[in-house]
Amino acid sequence: MTVLRTVLALIVALFAWTATASAQIGPGRQQSCFLIRNVSPVMLFGRVVMQSRQRYTFRLGKGESVRGCLAGDLFKGDKVQLVLVSLVTVPIFECYTQIDQPIQLYARRKQDGWNYSADCR
C-alpha cells in the first residue's frame, strides 16, 4: 500500500510540474492570437512570423478564415510579419501588421497575373 501511495504521489507531482512548466512561456514571451480572412477569389498560402522566429503557416480557400496563436516576441509596434507565398513557397507579398484586428487577404486579377495584398497596419 505504501508503494502504491508513493507511486501515485510521484505521478501527481510530475503532472503538476509539467502542467506548470508548459504554462510558463517565459519573460518577454506572450501568447499572441490573430484572425486571418481570405476575401480573395483564390486559395492563398502564407505564414505569420514573430521576431523571435516562431511561425504559423496557413492555407486558406476562398472566403475561409483561420484563428492562430503564437508565443514569442513581437516586432516593434506590437507587429508580426505576414508573408503570402506561392505554391512553391516563394514569397509573393509581405508586410508587418498588428494583430489586434482581423487581417484581410486580397488577390486581384490583373492583366498578367494577380496582385496580392493584405490589411497591414
Foldseek 3Di string as FASTA:
>chain_A
DVVVVVVVVVVVVVVVVVVVVVVDLDPQWDKDKAKEWEQEQAKWWWWKAAPVGDIDIDIDGHGDMDMDMDIDHHDPPQWIKIFIADPVRHTDDIDIAHGPYHKYWYWDDDDPGIDIDIPHD
